[in-house]
Amino acid sequence: MPRIVIVGGGSYTWGPLFVRDLLATPELHGSTIVLHDRNARALELVRALGRKAMAASGLPFSLEATLDLDQALTGADFVILTITTGGLEAMRHDLDIAARYGVFHSVGDTVGPGGLARALRNIPVMVNLAHRMEELCPNAWLLNYTNPMTTLCRAVTRETRIRTIGLCHEFLGVRKRLAKHFGVNAEEIQARVGGINHLAWILDLKVRGRDAWPELCAWAQQTLESPLDLSKSDPFEDHNRVKARLFQVFGALPAAGDRHVAEFFPYFLTDAAERGRAYGVLLTSVDYRQRMRDEDRALLENLLKDDVDMKPFLSKTSGEAANKIISAVESAGASGGRYVGIMNLPNRGQISNLPEGAVVETFGVVDHTGAHGLALGDLPPGVHAVVDRHVANQELIVEAALTGSRELALQALINDPMVRELDTAEPMLNELLEAHRAYLPQFFRAV
């Protein structure tokens, strides 16, 4: 049975989620789950929860936890990755520095100054991880949940031989909201989807087999005309107004939450748009994220109390794809295991008018032959013009992160549509690099 390593396994959110999903997958009974993290206290909490969950379920799993990355990776069959280099304090610098220069992030983990800074920190770490996998578990699969998804997966697939799949649940959230609108189950929604992570697009839509595209026009108009009350909203609530407006312009529907999509354009997070509020988008502060993290830790600690029954926790699954992909791979030889879902893979013709090798988000299939993106064809001209610009910029970011080139990093920042003033881009970049000097030695080498 497989050895499944969770790097970032001390995450109060992702660690328990992945452990529970794996326990709920019958094909994986007998597997070894390995938790790795650099935070010893967090790692111990998640390990304790895993032990309690396994004892309550009576399922035949083994559980290990280690602070040593090489120990965790040795002999691994699958590596699930969920990390943030520098954590929330690094993200605070990203958002605060950008805001001082008039750039406001609704998320800050994919594009804009925040996405750039996070990519520069995470890419070398992830490539180093993949190189260690080449030494210690060369045939393992890397299932990446870390952002910026596209640049990280591109760096690994460009620089190493490790089989890598990027996984994101944004389309599933959009599909769920569309299903609610149409009054059907999410599984009764079928769509053609393509683009890049957090900027994938739905190009056609069927509901129970019938063409529902004409009804999207009415949905978009209704969404934009409906009253907008943000008095009780939290930043994660999706009001769909960014997607609806872009649908009216491009004739395609973005397949991610508004808070992500808004950051790919120069229009939605400006002062004129009330920093997103005009479109129902609220900025997600680091303080808010810290409260969420504290709540997740409190929930975990409560589950560890002796008198707390684990059955409600064990009865749920997340809907994430990692356990399903692992199950498909493990059962492929014997029973033809197969998984079909949204995934980020190198472009091998899935999107015919984007560059070969660029990491794209489409439906894909995992079976005994590997992971393969399903052919979509061309993106429509307007959508292609938007996506292709970001694909080109992602190449600059990967190269800058790996070489420490300030010139390429500056070019990437200036090319980002969130950055609207040429003369402030360089001082903003310098501040970001200095704030993260401890994580960016490649940019501070002696000449």
Protein backbone atom coordinates (compact mmCIF):
# COMPACT_ATOMS: atom_id res chain seq x y z
CA MET A 1 0.00 0.00 0.00
CA PRO A 2 1.22 3.54 -0.69
CA ARG A 3 3.24 5.89 1.44
CA ILE A 4 1.39 9.23 1.32
CA VAL A 5 3.31 12.28 2.54
CA ILE A 6 1.62 15.55 3.45
CA VAL A 7 4.16 18.38 3.32
CA GLY A 8 2.64 21.16 5.36
CA GLY A 9 0.87 18.47 7.36
CA GLY A 10 0.82 20.72 10.42
CA SER A 11 -1.73 23.00 8.76
CA TYR A 12 -4.72 23.31 11.09
CA THR A 13 -6.97 23.39 8.02
CA TRP A 14 -5.40 21.10 5.44
CA GLY A 15 -3.77 18.50 7.71
CA PRO A 16 -7.00 17.20 9.31
CA LEU A 17 -8.84 17.52 5.99
CA PHE A 18 -6.42 15.30 4.08
CA VAL A 19 -6.18 12.75 6.89
CA ARG A 20 -9.97 12.45 7.05
CA ASP A 21 -10.31 12.15 3.25
CA LEU A 22 -7.70 9.41 3.12
CA LEU A 23 -9.38 7.48 5.93
CA ALA A 24 -12.67 7.69 4.04
CA THR A 25 -11.18 6.04 0.92
CA PRO A 26 -11.56 2.24 1.12
CA GLU A 27 -9.03 1.59 -1.66
CA LEU A 28 -6.33 3.20 0.50
CA HIS A 29 -6.87 1.18 3.68
CA GLY A 30 -3.49 -0.09 4.83
CA SER A 31 -1.62 2.99 3.61
CA THR A 32 0.99 4.90 5.57
CA ILE A 33 0.27 8.61 6.08
CA VAL A 34 3.30 10.76 6.84
CA LEU A 35 2.89 14.30 8.21
CA HIS A 36 5.78 16.70 7.67
CA ASP A 37 5.98 20.28 8.88
CA ARG A 38 8.56 22.72 10.24
CA ASN A 39 6.24 23.79 13.07
CA ALA A 40 6.66 21.12 15.77
CA ARG A 41 3.65 22.23 17.87
CA ALA A 42 1.27 22.29 14.93
CA LEU A 43 2.61 18.98 13.66
CA GLU A 44 2.01 17.31 17.01
CA LEU A 45 -1.58 18.59 17.17
CA VAL A 46 -2.43 17.18 13.75
CA ARG A 47 -0.67 13.90 14.54
CA ALA A 48 -2.71 13.61 17.76
CA LEU A 49 -5.89 14.19 15.79
CA GLY A 50 -4.85 11.59 13.23
CA ARG A 51 -4.20 9.04 15.95
CA LYS A 52 -7.58 9.69 17.56
CA ALA A 53 -9.35 9.50 14.19
CA MET A 54 -7.65 6.23 13.31
CA ALA A 55 -8.46 4.73 16.71
CA ALA A 56 -12.11 5.81 16.44
CA SER A 57 -12.47 4.46 12.91
CA GLY A 58 -10.62 1.22 13.53
CA LEU A 59 -9.22 1.46 10.01
CA PRO A 60 -5.86 -0.11 9.11
CA PHE A 61 -3.67 2.93 8.49
CA SER A 62 -0.20 3.79 9.79
CA LEU A 63 0.63 7.34 10.83
CA GLU A 64 4.05 8.98 11.04
CA ALA A 65 5.12 12.56 11.73
CA THR A 66 8.54 14.11 11.23
CA LEU A 67 10.26 17.49 11.07
CA ASP A 68 12.84 16.01 8.68
CA LEU A 69 11.86 16.44 5.02
CA ASP A 70 14.21 13.76 3.67
CA GLN A 71 12.90 11.25 6.20
CA ALA A 72 9.35 12.02 5.15
CA LEU A 73 10.07 11.73 1.41
CA THR A 74 12.12 8.55 1.47
CA GLY A 75 10.12 5.89 -0.36
CA ALA A 76 7.06 8.12 -0.86
CA ASP A 77 4.50 7.22 -3.52
CA PHE A 78 2.50 10.45 -3.28
CA VAL A 79 3.39 13.87 -1.90
CA ILE A 80 0.58 16.31 -1.13
CA LEU A 81 1.93 19.85 -0.82
CA THR A 82 0.34 22.74 1.07
CA ILE A 83 2.88 25.29 2.29
CA THR A 84 3.34 29.04 2.62
CA THR A 85 6.93 30.23 2.82
CA GLY A 86 7.02 32.94 5.46
CA GLY A 87 3.45 32.33 6.61
CA LEU A 88 0.92 35.05 7.33
CA GLU A 89 3.51 37.57 8.47
CA ALA A 90 5.15 37.44 5.04
CA MET A 91 1.73 37.88 3.48
CA ARG A 92 1.16 40.93 5.68
CA HIS A 93 4.20 42.56 4.06
CA ASP A 94 2.89 41.65 0.60
CA LEU A 95 -0.50 43.29 1.15
CA ASP A 96 0.68 46.29 3.18
CA ILE A 97 3.49 47.26 0.81
CA ALA A 98 1.23 46.92 -2.24
CA ALA A 99 -1.49 49.00 -0.56
CA ARG A 100 0.98 51.83 0.17
CA TYR A 101 1.49 52.05 -3.58
CA GLY A 102 -2.24 52.05 -4.32
CA VAL A 103 -2.60 48.35 -5.24
CA PHE A 104 -5.30 46.58 -3.24
CA HIS A 105 -5.56 42.80 -3.05
CA SER A 106 -8.73 40.83 -2.49
CA VAL A 107 -6.58 37.71 -1.97
CA GLY A 108 -2.93 38.37 -2.81
CA ASP A 109 -1.70 34.83 -3.52
CA THR A 110 -1.75 34.51 -7.32
CA VAL A 111 -1.16 37.74 -9.26
CA GLY A 112 -0.37 41.38 -8.50
CA PRO A 113 2.51 42.34 -6.20
CA GLY A 114 1.32 39.83 -3.61
CA GLY A 115 1.25 36.97 -6.07
CA LEU A 116 4.68 37.91 -7.40
CA ALA A 117 6.24 38.07 -3.94
CA ARG A 118 4.69 34.76 -2.92
CA ALA A 119 5.93 33.13 -6.12
CA LEU A 120 9.48 34.41 -5.58
CA ARG A 121 9.44 32.91 -2.06
CA ASN A 122 7.76 29.60 -2.90
CA ILE A 123 9.29 28.63 -6.25
CA PRO A 124 12.82 27.86 -4.99
CA VAL A 125 11.39 25.92 -2.04
CA MET A 126 9.14 23.86 -4.28
CA VAL A 127 11.83 23.16 -6.87
CA ASN A 128 14.17 22.06 -4.07
CA LEU A 129 11.44 19.75 -2.78
CA ALA A 130 11.04 18.25 -6.25
CA HIS A 131 14.81 17.74 -6.54
CA ARG A 132 14.78 15.91 -3.21
CA MET A 133 11.94 13.77 -4.58
CA GLU A 134 14.09 12.93 -7.61
CA GLU A 135 16.69 11.57 -5.18
CA LEU A 136 14.43 9.90 -2.61
CA CYS A 137 11.19 8.97 -4.41
CA PRO A 138 11.65 9.59 -8.14
CA ASN A 139 8.46 7.80 -9.15
CA ALA A 140 6.22 9.61 -6.70
CA TRP A 141 3.40 11.94 -7.71
CA LEU A 142 3.39 15.54 -6.48
CA LEU A 143 -0.13 16.82 -5.81
CA ASN A 144 0.17 20.55 -5.30
CA TYR A 145 -2.35 22.73 -3.45
CA THR A 146 0.07 25.62 -2.87
CA ASN A 147 -0.33 29.04 -4.53
CA PRO A 148 0.52 30.60 -6.88
CA MET A 149 -0.54 27.29 -8.41
CA THR A 150 0.45 27.92 -12.02
CA THR A 151 3.94 29.33 -11.52
CA LEU A 152 4.84 26.71 -8.92
CA CYS A 153 3.72 23.80 -11.10
CA ARG A 154 5.43 25.37 -14.12
CA ALA A 155 8.73 25.70 -12.24
CA VAL A 156 8.65 22.06 -11.11
CA THR A 157 7.64 20.61 -14.47
CA ARG A 158 10.22 22.77 -16.24
CA GLU A 159 13.11 21.99 -13.89
CA THR A 160 12.47 18.38 -12.79
CA ARG A 161 11.05 15.06 -13.95
CA ILE A 162 8.56 14.78 -11.09
CA ARG A 163 4.99 14.01 -12.15
CA THR A 164 3.03 17.01 -10.92
CA ILE A 165 -0.67 17.82 -10.77
CA GLY A 166 -1.98 21.15 -9.49
CA LEU A 167 -5.34 20.91 -7.72
CA CYS A 168 -7.80 23.70 -6.97
CA HIS A 169 -11.46 23.70 -5.92
CA GLU A 170 -12.54 27.06 -7.39
CA PHE A 171 -14.46 25.59 -10.33
CA LEU A 172 -16.29 23.24 -7.96
CA GLY A 173 -17.49 26.26 -5.99
CA VAL A 174 -18.74 27.99 -9.14
CA ARG A 175 -20.44 24.80 -10.30
CA LYS A 176 -22.16 24.48 -6.92
CA ARG A 177 -23.51 28.04 -7.15
CA LEU A 178 -24.73 27.46 -10.71
CA ALA A 179 -26.39 24.23 -9.62
CA LYS A 180 -28.25 26.15 -6.90
CA HIS A 181 -29.41 28.70 -9.47
CA PHE A 182 -30.68 25.98 -11.83
CA GLY A 183 -32.17 23.89 -9.02
CA VAL A 184 -30.13 20.76 -9.74
CA ASN A 185 -27.35 18.77 -8.15
CA ALA A 186 -23.81 19.90 -8.91
CA GLU A 187 -23.11 16.63 -10.73
CA GLU A 188 -25.86 17.50 -13.22
CA ILE A 189 -23.86 20.51 -14.44
CA GLN A 190 -21.52 19.79 -17.36
CA ALA A 191 -19.09 22.38 -18.70
CA ARG A 192 -16.11 22.90 -20.99
CA VAL A 193 -13.48 24.70 -18.92
CA GLY A 194 -10.07 26.07 -19.80
CA GLY A 195 -7.51 28.71 -18.90
CA ILE A 196 -5.05 29.05 -16.03
CA ASN A 197 -5.57 28.63 -12.31
CA HIS A 198 -7.96 31.21 -10.85
CA LEU A 199 -8.55 32.46 -14.43
CA ALA A 200 -10.14 29.45 -16.08
CA TRP A 201 -13.27 30.06 -18.16
CA ILE A 202 -16.49 28.13 -18.73
CA LEU A 203 -16.98 28.07 -22.51
CA ASP A 204 -20.26 26.20 -22.63
CA LEU A 205 -22.70 24.85 -20.07
CA LYS A 206 -25.21 22.03 -19.98
CA VAL A 207 -27.73 21.26 -17.27
CA ARG A 208 -29.06 17.71 -17.29
CA GLY A 209 -27.85 17.44 -20.86
CA ARG A 210 -29.59 20.53 -22.24
CA ASP A 211 -27.83 23.68 -23.41
CA ALA A 212 -28.11 26.24 -20.60
CA TRP A 213 -25.96 28.94 -22.21
CA PRO A 214 -28.85 31.28 -23.16
CA GLU A 215 -30.03 31.25 -19.54
CA LEU A 216 -26.63 32.50 -18.38
CA CYS A 217 -27.32 35.81 -20.09
CA ALA A 218 -30.42 36.31 -17.95
CA TRP A 219 -28.51 35.12 -14.86
CA ALA A 220 -25.75 37.67 -15.47
CA GLN A 221 -28.19 40.54 -15.90
CA GLN A 222 -30.18 39.48 -12.85
CA THR A 223 -26.99 39.19 -10.78
CA LEU A 224 -25.85 42.70 -11.70
CA GLU A 225 -29.27 44.24 -11.04
CA SER A 226 -29.98 42.53 -7.71
CA PRO A 227 -29.51 44.58 -4.49
CA LEU A 228 -26.06 44.29 -2.96
CA ASP A 229 -25.84 44.28 0.84
CA LEU A 230 -22.31 43.92 2.18
CA SER A 231 -23.11 44.84 5.78
CA LYS A 232 -22.96 41.22 6.96
CA SER A 233 -20.69 39.73 4.28
CA ASP A 234 -17.36 38.10 4.92
CA PRO A 235 -14.54 38.31 2.33
CA PHE A 236 -15.11 34.73 1.20
CA GLU A 237 -18.75 35.26 0.19
CA ASP A 238 -19.09 35.32 -3.59
CA HIS A 239 -21.64 37.75 -5.03
CA ASN A 240 -20.78 36.74 -8.65
CA ARG A 241 -20.77 40.30 -9.96
CA VAL A 242 -17.25 40.21 -11.35
CA LYS A 243 -18.01 36.98 -13.20
CA ALA A 244 -21.35 38.28 -14.46
CA ARG A 245 -19.82 41.49 -15.83
CA LEU A 246 -16.98 39.65 -17.53
CA PHE A 247 -19.47 37.18 -18.99
CA GLN A 248 -21.32 40.08 -20.58
CA VAL A 249 -18.08 41.35 -22.14
CA PHE A 250 -16.32 38.13 -23.18
CA GLY A 251 -19.18 35.69 -23.70
CA ALA A 252 -17.47 33.24 -21.35
CA LEU A 253 -17.86 32.79 -17.60
CA PRO A 254 -14.85 32.84 -15.26
CA ALA A 255 -14.65 29.55 -13.35
CA ALA A 256 -13.36 30.87 -10.02
CA GLY A 257 -14.55 33.02 -7.16
CA ASP A 258 -14.80 36.77 -7.75
CA ARG A 259 -12.13 37.56 -5.17
CA HIS A 260 -9.59 35.64 -7.28
CA VAL A 261 -10.81 36.70 -10.70
CA ALA A 262 -10.85 40.42 -9.83
CA GLU A 263 -7.07 40.46 -9.36
CA PHE A 264 -6.37 39.52 -12.99
CA PHE A 265 -7.87 42.79 -14.26
CA PRO A 266 -7.15 46.50 -13.68
CA TYR A 267 -10.78 47.53 -13.13
CA PHE A 268 -12.28 45.90 -10.06
CA LEU A 269 -10.04 46.81 -7.11
CA THR A 270 -9.47 50.51 -7.73
CA ASP A 271 -10.57 53.46 -5.62
CA ALA A 272 -13.17 54.20 -8.31
CA ALA A 273 -14.64 50.72 -7.71
CA GLU A 274 -14.47 51.27 -3.93
CA ARG A 275 -11.59 48.79 -3.77
CA GLY A 276 -13.91 46.02 -4.90
CA ARG A 277 -17.03 46.84 -2.89
CA ALA A 278 -18.89 48.11 -5.98
CA TYR A 279 -18.68 44.53 -7.29
CA GLY A 280 -19.31 42.81 -3.97
CA VAL A 281 -15.64 41.99 -3.39
CA LEU A 282 -14.14 42.63 0.05
CA LEU A 283 -10.41 42.75 0.75
CA THR A 284 -9.18 39.82 2.85
CA SER A 285 -6.90 41.15 5.58
CA VAL A 286 -4.18 39.16 7.28
CA ASP A 287 -5.90 39.79 10.63
CA TYR A 288 -9.01 38.08 9.24
CA ARG A 289 -6.89 35.14 8.07
CA GLN A 290 -5.27 34.90 11.49
CA ARG A 291 -8.69 34.70 13.13
CA MET A 292 -9.61 31.91 10.72
CA ARG A 293 -6.40 30.05 11.58
CA ASP A 294 -7.06 30.47 15.30
CA GLU A 295 -10.58 29.16 14.86
CA ASP A 296 -9.28 26.12 12.99
CA ARG A 297 -6.78 25.43 15.76
CA ALA A 298 -9.50 25.76 18.39
CA LEU A 299 -11.71 23.30 16.51
CA LEU A 300 -8.80 20.86 16.30
CA GLU A 301 -8.03 21.19 20.00
CA ASN A 302 -11.69 20.65 20.85
CA LEU A 303 -11.74 17.42 18.81
CA LEU A 304 -8.83 16.16 20.90
CA LYS A 305 -10.78 16.37 24.16
CA ASP A 306 -11.46 12.94 25.64
CA ASP A 307 -15.23 13.35 25.70
CA VAL A 308 -15.59 14.52 22.09
CA ASP A 309 -17.01 11.90 19.72
CA MET A 310 -15.06 11.63 16.43
CA LYS A 311 -17.99 10.25 14.43
CA PRO A 312 -19.27 13.65 13.18
CA PHE A 313 -15.74 14.58 12.08
CA LEU A 314 -15.20 11.24 10.33
CA SER A 315 -18.59 11.31 8.60
CA LYS A 316 -17.64 14.21 6.33
CA THR A 317 -15.34 14.48 3.33
CA SER A 318 -14.02 17.64 1.73
CA GLY A 319 -14.66 17.04 -1.97
CA GLU A 320 -10.97 17.71 -2.72
CA ALA A 321 -9.37 15.51 -5.37
CA ALA A 322 -6.15 14.24 -3.77
CA ASN A 323 -7.56 11.06 -2.23
CA LYS A 324 -9.52 10.32 -5.42
CA ILE A 325 -6.42 10.65 -7.59
CA ILE A 326 -4.35 8.48 -5.27
CA SER A 327 -7.12 5.89 -5.25
CA ALA A 328 -7.32 5.91 -9.06
CA VAL A 329 -3.58 5.42 -9.43
CA GLU A 330 -3.45 2.66 -6.82
CA SER A 331 -6.38 0.73 -8.28
CA ALA A 332 -5.56 1.38 -11.94
CA GLY A 333 -3.61 -1.81 -12.53
CA ALA A 334 -6.09 -4.16 -10.94
CA SER A 335 -9.47 -2.67 -11.72
CA GLY A 336 -8.98 0.11 -14.24
CA GLY A 337 -9.15 2.93 -11.72
CA ARG A 338 -9.82 6.33 -13.27
CA TYR A 339 -10.39 9.87 -12.05
CA VAL A 340 -11.72 12.75 -14.17
CA GLY A 341 -11.69 16.29 -12.83
CA ILE A 342 -10.27 19.78 -13.07
CA MET A 343 -6.47 19.81 -12.86
CA ASN A 344 -3.45 21.92 -13.70
CA LEU A 345 -1.02 20.19 -16.06
CA PRO A 346 1.59 21.17 -18.66
CA ASN A 347 -0.08 22.08 -21.94
CA ARG A 348 0.29 19.18 -24.34
CA GLY A 349 -2.39 20.37 -26.70
CA GLN A 350 -5.26 20.76 -24.24
CA ILE A 351 -5.51 24.45 -25.19
CA SER A 352 -4.24 24.72 -28.72
CA ASN A 353 -3.61 28.48 -28.78
CA LEU A 354 -1.53 28.62 -25.58
CA PRO A 355 2.19 27.74 -25.49
CA GLU A 356 3.33 24.14 -25.24
CA GLY A 357 4.46 23.33 -21.70
CA ALA A 358 2.67 26.22 -20.04
CA VAL A 359 0.63 24.96 -17.09
CA VAL A 360 -3.06 25.18 -17.94
CA GLU A 361 -6.25 24.34 -16.08
CA THR A 362 -8.70 22.03 -17.85
CA PHE A 363 -10.48 18.79 -17.22
CA GLY A 364 -8.05 15.90 -17.11
CA VAL A 365 -7.97 12.18 -16.52
CA VAL A 366 -5.73 10.12 -14.23
CA ASP A 367 -5.46 6.40 -14.96
CA HIS A 368 -2.86 3.66 -15.34
CA THR A 369 -1.13 5.63 -18.10
CA GLY A 370 -0.64 8.78 -16.00
CA ALA A 371 -2.29 12.21 -15.91
CA HIS A 372 -3.54 13.69 -19.15
CA GLY A 373 -5.36 16.93 -19.85
CA LEU A 374 -8.42 16.60 -22.05
CA ALA A 375 -8.43 18.53 -25.31
CA LEU A 376 -10.37 21.80 -25.23
CA GLY A 377 -9.29 23.42 -28.50
CA ASP A 378 -8.77 27.18 -28.83
CA LEU A 379 -9.76 29.73 -26.26
CA PRO A 380 -12.00 32.40 -27.84
CA PRO A 381 -10.00 35.43 -29.08
CA GLY A 382 -10.90 37.84 -26.27
CA VAL A 383 -10.40 35.26 -23.54
CA HIS A 384 -7.15 34.15 -25.18
CA ALA A 385 -5.83 37.72 -25.20
CA VAL A 386 -6.39 37.98 -21.43
CA VAL A 387 -5.02 34.56 -20.51
CA ASP A 388 -2.03 34.58 -22.84
CA ARG A 389 -0.75 37.83 -21.29
CA HIS A 390 -0.66 36.18 -17.88
CA VAL A 391 0.95 33.01 -19.24
CA ALA A 392 3.79 35.09 -20.68
CA ASN A 393 4.18 36.94 -17.39
CA GLN A 394 4.31 33.68 -15.46
CA GLU A 395 7.34 32.65 -17.52
CA LEU A 396 9.10 35.84 -16.41
CA ILE A 397 8.22 35.14 -12.78
CA VAL A 398 9.55 31.58 -12.86
CA GLU A 399 12.81 32.69 -14.43
CA ALA A 400 13.19 35.59 -11.99
CA ALA A 401 12.58 33.33 -8.98
CA LEU A 402 15.13 30.74 -10.11
CA THR A 403 17.86 33.19 -11.17
CA GLY A 404 17.36 36.09 -8.76
CA SER A 405 16.97 38.53 -11.66
CA ARG A 406 15.63 41.85 -10.42
CA GLU A 407 15.24 42.94 -14.03
CA LEU A 408 12.85 40.11 -14.86
CA ALA A 409 10.98 40.52 -11.57
CA LEU A 410 10.47 44.21 -12.36
CA GLN A 411 9.30 43.42 -15.88
CA ALA A 412 6.80 40.93 -14.47
CA LEU A 413 5.52 43.47 -11.96
CA ILE A 414 5.13 46.19 -14.59
CA ASN A 415 3.33 43.76 -16.91
CA ASP A 416 0.80 42.88 -14.22
CA PRO A 417 -2.53 44.69 -14.85
CA MET A 418 -2.98 45.47 -11.15
CA VAL A 419 0.13 47.73 -11.31
CA ARG A 420 -0.93 50.91 -13.03
CA GLU A 421 1.98 53.32 -12.38
CA LEU A 422 5.35 52.72 -14.02
CA ASP A 423 7.41 54.93 -11.73
CA THR A 424 6.26 53.28 -8.51
CA ALA A 425 6.84 49.69 -9.64
CA GLU A 426 10.59 49.60 -8.96
CA PRO A 427 10.47 51.04 -5.42
CA MET A 428 7.55 48.72 -4.63
CA LEU A 429 9.57 45.72 -5.85
CA ASN A 430 12.61 46.82 -3.85
CA GLU A 431 10.49 47.06 -0.69
CA LEU A 432 9.01 43.62 -1.27
CA LEU A 433 12.41 42.04 -1.83
CA GLU A 434 13.88 43.72 1.23
CA ALA A 435 10.94 42.71 3.42
CA HIS A 436 11.51 39.07 2.40
CA ARG A 437 15.30 39.13 2.27
CA ALA A 438 15.51 36.08 4.56
CA TYR A 439 13.55 34.01 2.02
CA LEU A 440 15.10 35.47 -1.15
CA PRO A 441 18.88 34.96 -1.01
CA GLN A 442 18.97 34.64 -4.81
CA PHE A 443 18.23 38.38 -5.08
CA PHE A 444 20.95 39.46 -2.65
CA ARG A 445 24.04 37.68 -3.90
CA ALA A 446 27.25 39.70 -3.82
CA VAL A 447 28.21 40.92 -7.29
